[in-house]
Amino acid sequence: MGGKEVACEENQKMKILHLLNDGGDKLSGQIIEAHARLHQVRVVDLRDNDISYERLVDEIFSHDKVISW
C-alpha cells in the first residue's frame, strides 16, 4: 500500500490526546509516533492514576481528537 508523507502547515496541526486504558502496545506506539511527527500529541496512561477526573475532562475538551486504546 503506497503513500506519501504530507507536511502539515502549522495551522493544520491538530491537538491529539491518546488515552491508554491498558497501557501501550506496539501498534498504539507506532500510531502515536506517527501522529507526533505531524501533530501536537499528549499521551495519558490511565493506569497511573496521576490525573484527576476534572483534569482528564478538561484535557479531552481541549484537544481536537481523542483516541482511546
PDB file of N, CA and C in Angstrom:
ATOM      1  N   MET A   1       0.853  -1.153   0.000  1.00  0.00           N
ATOM      2  CA  MET A   1       0.000   0.000   0.000  1.00  0.00           C
ATOM      3  C   MET A   1       0.905   1.224   0.000  1.00  0.00           C
ATOM      4  N   GLY A   2       0.907   1.977  -1.078  1.00  0.00           N
ATOM      5  CA  GLY A   2       1.763   3.144  -1.207  1.00  0.00           C
ATOM      6  C   GLY A   2       1.155   4.357  -0.547  1.00  0.00           C
ATOM      7  N   GLY A   3       1.981   5.294  -0.282  1.00  0.00           N
ATOM      8  CA  GLY A   3       1.531   6.542   0.302  1.00  0.00           C
ATOM      9  C   GLY A   3       2.680   7.510   0.316  1.00  0.00           C
ATOM     10  N   LYS A   4       2.376   8.729   0.616  1.00  0.00           N
ATOM     11  CA  LYS A   4       3.435   9.717   0.705  1.00  0.00           C
ATOM     12  C   LYS A   4       3.237  10.540   1.961  1.00  0.00           C
ATOM     13  N   GLU A   5       4.340  11.032   2.471  1.00  0.00           N
ATOM     14  CA  GLU A   5       4.283  11.855   3.664  1.00  0.00           C
ATOM     15  C   GLU A   5       3.910  13.265   3.245  1.00  0.00           C
ATOM     16  N   VAL A   6       2.942  13.815   3.904  1.00  0.00           N
ATOM     17  CA  VAL A   6       2.479  15.150   3.593  1.00  0.00           C
ATOM     18  C   VAL A   6       2.813  16.055   4.761  1.00  0.00           C
ATOM     19  N   ALA A   7       3.506  17.134   4.481  1.00  0.00           N
ATOM     20  CA  ALA A   7       3.869  18.075   5.544  1.00  0.00           C
ATOM     21  C   ALA A   7       2.640  18.896   5.928  1.00  0.00           C
ATOM     22  N   CYS A   8       2.432  19.047   7.210  1.00  0.00           N
ATOM     23  CA  CYS A   8       1.330  19.859   7.715  1.00  0.00           C
ATOM     24  C   CYS A   8       1.835  21.264   7.976  1.00  0.00           C
ATOM     25  N   GLU A   9       1.056  22.217   7.586  1.00  0.00           N
ATOM     26  CA  GLU A   9       1.378  23.576   7.960  1.00  0.00           C
ATOM     27  C   GLU A   9       0.968  23.761   9.406  1.00  0.00           C
ATOM     28  N   GLU A  10       1.567  24.738  10.052  1.00  0.00           N
ATOM     29  CA  GLU A  10       1.330  24.956  11.486  1.00  0.00           C
ATOM     30  C   GLU A  10      -0.155  25.088  11.806  1.00  0.00           C
ATOM     31  N   ASN A  11      -0.921  25.781  10.961  1.00  0.00           N
ATOM     32  CA  ASN A  11      -2.342  25.976  11.240  1.00  0.00           C
ATOM     33  C   ASN A  11      -3.182  24.734  10.954  1.00  0.00           C
ATOM     34  N   GLN A  12      -2.576  23.688  10.385  1.00  0.00           N
ATOM     35  CA  GLN A  12      -3.299  22.443  10.121  1.00  0.00           C
ATOM     36  C   GLN A  12      -3.008  21.376  11.166  1.00  0.00           C
ATOM     37  N   LYS A  13      -2.105  21.664  12.083  1.00  0.00           N
ATOM     38  CA  LYS A  13      -1.775  20.678  13.110  1.00  0.00           C
ATOM     39  C   LYS A  13      -2.947  20.523  14.074  1.00  0.00           C
ATOM     40  N   MET A  14      -3.191  19.293  14.451  1.00  0.00           N
ATOM     41  CA  MET A  14      -4.240  19.001  15.421  1.00  0.00           C
ATOM     42  C   MET A  14      -3.614  18.717  16.776  1.00  0.00           C
ATOM     43  N   LYS A  15      -4.386  18.955  17.806  1.00  0.00           N
ATOM     44  CA  LYS A  15      -4.015  18.520  19.143  1.00  0.00           C
ATOM     45  C   LYS A  15      -4.701  17.173  19.355  1.00  0.00           C
ATOM     46  N   ILE A  16      -3.890  16.124  19.508  1.00  0.00           N
ATOM     47  CA  ILE A  16      -4.422  14.769  19.623  1.00  0.00           C
ATOM     48  C   ILE A  16      -4.086  14.226  21.008  1.00  0.00           C
ATOM     49  N   LEU A  17      -5.092  13.716  21.683  1.00  0.00           N
ATOM     50  CA  LEU A  17      -4.938  13.101  23.000  1.00  0.00           C
ATOM     51  C   LEU A  17      -5.112  11.593  22.862  1.00  0.00           C
ATOM     52  N   HIS A  18      -4.099  10.849  23.291  1.00  0.00           N
ATOM     53  CA  HIS A  18      -4.169   9.381  23.304  1.00  0.00           C
ATOM     54  C   HIS A  18      -4.351   8.946  24.753  1.00  0.00           C
ATOM     55  N   LEU A  19      -5.422   8.228  25.018  1.00  0.00           N
ATOM     56  CA  LEU A  19      -5.693   7.698  26.356  1.00  0.00           C
ATOM     57  C   LEU A  19      -5.386   6.205  26.359  1.00  0.00           C
ATOM     58  N   LEU A  20      -4.442   5.810  27.195  1.00  0.00           N
ATOM     59  CA  LEU A  20      -4.065   4.405  27.293  1.00  0.00           C
ATOM     60  C   LEU A  20      -4.794   3.783  28.476  1.00  0.00           C
ATOM     61  N   ASN A  21      -5.792   2.964  28.185  1.00  0.00           N
ATOM     62  CA  ASN A  21      -6.573   2.310  29.236  1.00  0.00           C
ATOM     63  C   ASN A  21      -5.843   1.119  29.839  1.00  0.00           C
ATOM     64  N   ASP A  22      -5.179   0.345  29.004  1.00  0.00           N
ATOM     65  CA  ASP A  22      -4.483  -0.863  29.439  1.00  0.00           C
ATOM     66  C   ASP A  22      -2.993  -0.781  29.141  1.00  0.00           C
ATOM     67  N   GLY A  23      -2.480   0.408  29.060  1.00  0.00           N
ATOM     68  CA  GLY A  23      -1.083   0.582  28.698  1.00  0.00           C
ATOM     69  C   GLY A  23      -0.925   0.552  27.194  1.00  0.00           C
ATOM     70  N   GLY A  24       0.259   0.863  26.747  1.00  0.00           N
ATOM     71  CA  GLY A  24       0.523   0.877  25.320  1.00  0.00           C
ATOM     72  C   GLY A  24       0.927  -0.480  24.794  1.00  0.00           C
ATOM     73  N   ASP A  25       0.838  -0.632  23.495  1.00  0.00           N
ATOM     74  CA  ASP A  25       1.339  -1.821  22.827  1.00  0.00           C
ATOM     75  C   ASP A  25       2.076  -1.362  21.571  1.00  0.00           C
ATOM     76  N   LYS A  26       2.534  -2.282  20.778  1.00  0.00           N
ATOM     77  CA  LYS A  26       3.338  -1.943  19.609  1.00  0.00           C
ATOM     78  C   LYS A  26       2.561  -1.061  18.627  1.00  0.00           C
ATOM     79  N   LEU A  27       1.326  -1.428  18.336  1.00  0.00           N
ATOM     80  CA  LEU A  27       0.530  -0.678  17.369  1.00  0.00           C
ATOM     81  C   LEU A  27       0.240   0.731  17.870  1.00  0.00           C
ATOM     82  N   SER A  28      -0.203   0.849  19.119  1.00  0.00           N
ATOM     83  CA  SER A  28      -0.502   2.186  19.635  1.00  0.00           C
ATOM     84  C   SER A  28       0.753   3.046  19.645  1.00  0.00           C
ATOM     85  N   GLY A  29       1.883   2.464  19.987  1.00  0.00           N
ATOM     86  CA  GLY A  29       3.139   3.201  19.981  1.00  0.00           C
ATOM     87  C   GLY A  29       3.501   3.708  18.595  1.00  0.00           C
ATOM     88  N   GLN A  30       3.302   2.874  17.589  1.00  0.00           N
ATOM     89  CA  GLN A  30       3.614   3.268  16.212  1.00  0.00           C
ATOM     90  C   GLN A  30       2.705   4.398  15.747  1.00  0.00           C
ATOM     91  N   ILE A  31       1.428   4.300  16.082  1.00  0.00           N
ATOM     92  CA  ILE A  31       0.480   5.333  15.658  1.00  0.00           C
ATOM     93  C   ILE A  31       0.746   6.640  16.402  1.00  0.00           C
ATOM     94  N   ILE A  32       1.031   6.552  17.683  1.00  0.00           N
ATOM     95  CA  ILE A  32       1.347   7.747  18.456  1.00  0.00           C
ATOM     96  C   ILE A  32       2.592   8.431  17.882  1.00  0.00           C
ATOM     97  N   GLU A  33       3.616   7.653  17.559  1.00  0.00           N
ATOM     98  CA  GLU A  33       4.832   8.216  16.967  1.00  0.00           C
ATOM     99  C   GLU A  33       4.540   8.886  15.628  1.00  0.00           C
ATOM    100  N   ALA A  34       3.711   8.259  14.810  1.00  0.00           N
ATOM    101  CA  ALA A  34       3.362   8.846  13.512  1.00  0.00           C
ATOM    102  C   ALA A  34       2.596  10.154  13.699  1.00  0.00           C
ATOM    103  N   HIS A  35       1.653  10.161  14.624  1.00  0.00           N
ATOM    104  CA  HIS A  35       0.903  11.392  14.900  1.00  0.00           C
ATOM    105  C   HIS A  35       1.830  12.488  15.402  1.00  0.00           C
ATOM    106  N   ALA A  36       2.785  12.121  16.247  1.00  0.00           N
ATOM    107  CA  ALA A  36       3.682  13.105  16.854  1.00  0.00           C
ATOM    108  C   ALA A  36       4.567  13.793  15.815  1.00  0.00           C
ATOM    109  N   ARG A  37       4.805  13.147  14.698  1.00  0.00           N
ATOM    110  CA  ARG A  37       5.610  13.770  13.640  1.00  0.00           C
ATOM    111  C   ARG A  37       4.882  14.927  12.984  1.00  0.00           C
ATOM    112  N   LEU A  38       3.560  14.879  12.991  1.00  0.00           N
ATOM    113  CA  LEU A  38       2.772  15.877  12.266  1.00  0.00           C
ATOM    114  C   LEU A  38       1.889  16.746  13.152  1.00  0.00           C
ATOM    115  N   HIS A  39       1.641  16.305  14.363  1.00  0.00           N
ATOM    116  CA  HIS A  39       0.671  16.995  15.212  1.00  0.00           C
ATOM    117  C   HIS A  39       1.202  17.145  16.633  1.00  0.00           C
ATOM    118  N   GLN A  40       0.477  17.911  17.412  1.00  0.00           N
ATOM    119  CA  GLN A  40       0.787  18.040  18.841  1.00  0.00           C
ATOM    120  C   GLN A  40       0.082  16.890  19.559  1.00  0.00           C
ATOM    121  N   VAL A  41       0.860  16.060  20.249  1.00  0.00           N
ATOM    122  CA  VAL A  41       0.328  14.836  20.848  1.00  0.00           C
ATOM    123  C   VAL A  41       0.556  14.840  22.352  1.00  0.00           C
ATOM    124  N   ARG A  42      -0.460  14.397  23.090  1.00  0.00           N
ATOM    125  CA  ARG A  42      -0.336  14.166  24.525  1.00  0.00           C
ATOM    126  C   ARG A  42      -0.829  12.753  24.784  1.00  0.00           C
ATOM    127  N   VAL A  43      -0.101  12.027  25.627  1.00  0.00           N
ATOM    128  CA  VAL A  43      -0.454  10.648  25.980  1.00  0.00           C
ATOM    129  C   VAL A  43      -0.701  10.588  27.475  1.00  0.00           C
ATOM    130  N   VAL A  44      -1.850  10.029  27.853  1.00  0.00           N
ATOM    131  CA  VAL A  44      -2.190   9.849  29.266  1.00  0.00           C
ATOM    132  C   VAL A  44      -2.424   8.362  29.504  1.00  0.00           C
ATOM    133  N   ASP A  45      -1.617   7.784  30.396  1.00  0.00           N
ATOM    134  CA  ASP A  45      -1.793   6.388  30.787  1.00  0.00           C
ATOM    135  C   ASP A  45      -2.720   6.378  31.997  1.00  0.00           C
ATOM    136  N   LEU A  46      -3.934   5.921  31.798  1.00  0.00           N
ATOM    137  CA  LEU A  46      -4.949   5.968  32.858  1.00  0.00           C
ATOM    138  C   LEU A  46      -4.662   4.999  34.001  1.00  0.00           C
ATOM    139  N   ARG A  47      -3.728   4.078  33.813  1.00  0.00           N
ATOM    140  CA  ARG A  47      -3.375   3.158  34.901  1.00  0.00           C
ATOM    141  C   ARG A  47      -2.584   3.864  35.995  1.00  0.00           C
ATOM    142  N   ASP A  48      -1.939   4.986  35.656  1.00  0.00           N
ATOM    143  CA  ASP A  48      -1.092   5.686  36.612  1.00  0.00           C
ATOM    144  C   ASP A  48      -1.863   6.438  37.688  1.00  0.00           C
ATOM    145  N   ASN A  49      -3.122   6.753  37.425  1.00  0.00           N
ATOM    146  CA  ASN A  49      -3.962   7.484  38.381  1.00  0.00           C
ATOM    147  C   ASN A  49      -3.333   8.792  38.837  1.00  0.00           C
ATOM    148  N   ASP A  50      -2.524   9.410  37.987  1.00  0.00           N
ATOM    149  CA  ASP A  50      -1.912  10.674  38.368  1.00  0.00           C
ATOM    150  C   ASP A  50      -2.635  11.878  37.777  1.00  0.00           C
ATOM    151  N   ILE A  51      -3.843  11.661  37.246  1.00  0.00           N
ATOM    152  CA  ILE A  51      -4.634  12.747  36.688  1.00  0.00           C
ATOM    153  C   ILE A  51      -6.034  12.681  37.282  1.00  0.00           C
ATOM    154  N   SER A  52      -6.530  13.812  37.719  1.00  0.00           N
ATOM    155  CA  SER A  52      -7.870  13.849  38.312  1.00  0.00           C
ATOM    156  C   SER A  52      -8.921  13.743  37.211  1.00  0.00           C
ATOM    157  N   TYR A  53     -10.103  13.367  37.605  1.00  0.00           N
ATOM    158  CA  TYR A  53     -11.205  13.261  36.655  1.00  0.00           C
ATOM    159  C   TYR A  53     -11.471  14.614  35.997  1.00  0.00           C
ATOM    160  N   GLU A  54     -11.453  15.678  36.798  1.00  0.00           N
ATOM    161  CA  GLU A  54     -11.708  17.020  36.274  1.00  0.00           C
ATOM    162  C   GLU A  54     -10.651  17.414  35.245  1.00  0.00           C
ATOM    163  N   ARG A  55      -9.392  17.123  35.554  1.00  0.00           N
ATOM    164  CA  ARG A  55      -8.305  17.449  34.627  1.00  0.00           C
ATOM    165  C   ARG A  55      -8.423  16.624  33.348  1.00  0.00           C
ATOM    166  N   LEU A  56      -8.808  15.362  33.471  1.00  0.00           N
ATOM    167  CA  LEU A  56      -8.982  14.497  32.305  1.00  0.00           C
ATOM    168  C   LEU A  56     -10.080  15.048  31.390  1.00  0.00           C
ATOM    169  N   VAL A  57     -11.188  15.460  31.961  1.00  0.00           N
ATOM    170  CA  VAL A  57     -12.282  16.034  31.170  1.00  0.00           C
ATOM    171  C   VAL A  57     -11.810  17.303  30.468  1.00  0.00           C
ATOM    172  N   ASP A  58     -11.073  18.151  31.183  1.00  0.00           N
ATOM    173  CA  ASP A  58     -10.518  19.361  30.570  1.00  0.00           C
ATOM    174  C   ASP A  58      -9.606  19.013  29.397  1.00  0.00           C
ATOM    175  N   GLU A  59      -8.761  18.007  29.583  1.00  0.00           N
ATOM    176  CA  GLU A  59      -7.857  17.575  28.509  1.00  0.00           C
ATOM    177  C   GLU A  59      -8.646  17.095  27.291  1.00  0.00           C
ATOM    178  N   ILE A  60      -9.682  16.316  27.531  1.00  0.00           N
ATOM    179  CA  ILE A  60     -10.496  15.789  26.428  1.00  0.00           C
ATOM    180  C   ILE A  60     -11.097  16.928  25.615  1.00  0.00           C
ATOM    181  N   PHE A  61     -11.659  17.917  26.296  1.00  0.00           N
ATOM    182  CA  PHE A  61     -12.318  19.003  25.583  1.00  0.00           C
ATOM    183  C   PHE A  61     -11.341  20.016  24.990  1.00  0.00           C
ATOM    184  N   SER A  62     -10.093  19.989  25.403  1.00  0.00           N
ATOM    185  CA  SER A  62      -9.121  20.944  24.852  1.00  0.00           C
ATOM    186  C   SER A  62      -8.368  20.364  23.646  1.00  0.00           C
ATOM    187  N   HIS A  63      -8.632  19.130  23.278  1.00  0.00           N
ATOM    188  CA  HIS A  63      -7.971  18.506  22.129  1.00  0.00           C
ATOM    189  C   HIS A  63      -8.953  18.379  20.958  1.00  0.00           C
ATOM    190  N   ASP A  64      -8.388  18.375  19.754  1.00  0.00           N
ATOM    191  CA  ASP A  64      -9.204  18.238  18.546  1.00  0.00           C
ATOM    192  C   ASP A  64      -9.653  16.802  18.321  1.00  0.00           C
ATOM    193  N   LYS A  65      -8.816  15.862  18.755  1.00  0.00           N
ATOM    194  CA  LYS A  65      -9.121  14.441  18.534  1.00  0.00           C
ATOM    195  C   LYS A  65      -8.670  13.671  19.772  1.00  0.00           C
ATOM    196  N   VAL A  66      -9.499  12.701  20.188  1.00  0.00           N
ATOM    197  CA  VAL A  66      -9.169  11.847  21.329  1.00  0.00           C
ATOM    198  C   VAL A  66      -9.245  10.401  20.877  1.00  0.00           C
ATOM    199  N   ILE A  67      -8.187   9.657  21.147  1.00  0.00           N
ATOM    200  CA  ILE A  67      -8.140   8.244  20.781  1.00  0.00           C
ATOM    201  C   ILE A  67      -7.912   7.437  22.051  1.00  0.00           C
ATOM    202  N   SER A  68      -8.803   6.503  22.294  1.00  0.00           N
ATOM    203  CA  SER A  68      -8.718   5.664  23.479  1.00  0.00           C
ATOM    204  C   SER A  68      -8.267   4.274  23.081  1.00  0.00           C
ATOM    205  N   TRP A  69      -7.216   3.787  23.751  1.00  0.00           N
ATOM    206  CA  TRP A  69      -6.658   2.478  23.455  1.00  0.00           C
ATOM    207  C   TRP A  69      -7.009   1.502  24.550  1.00  0.00           C
TER     208      TRP A  69
END
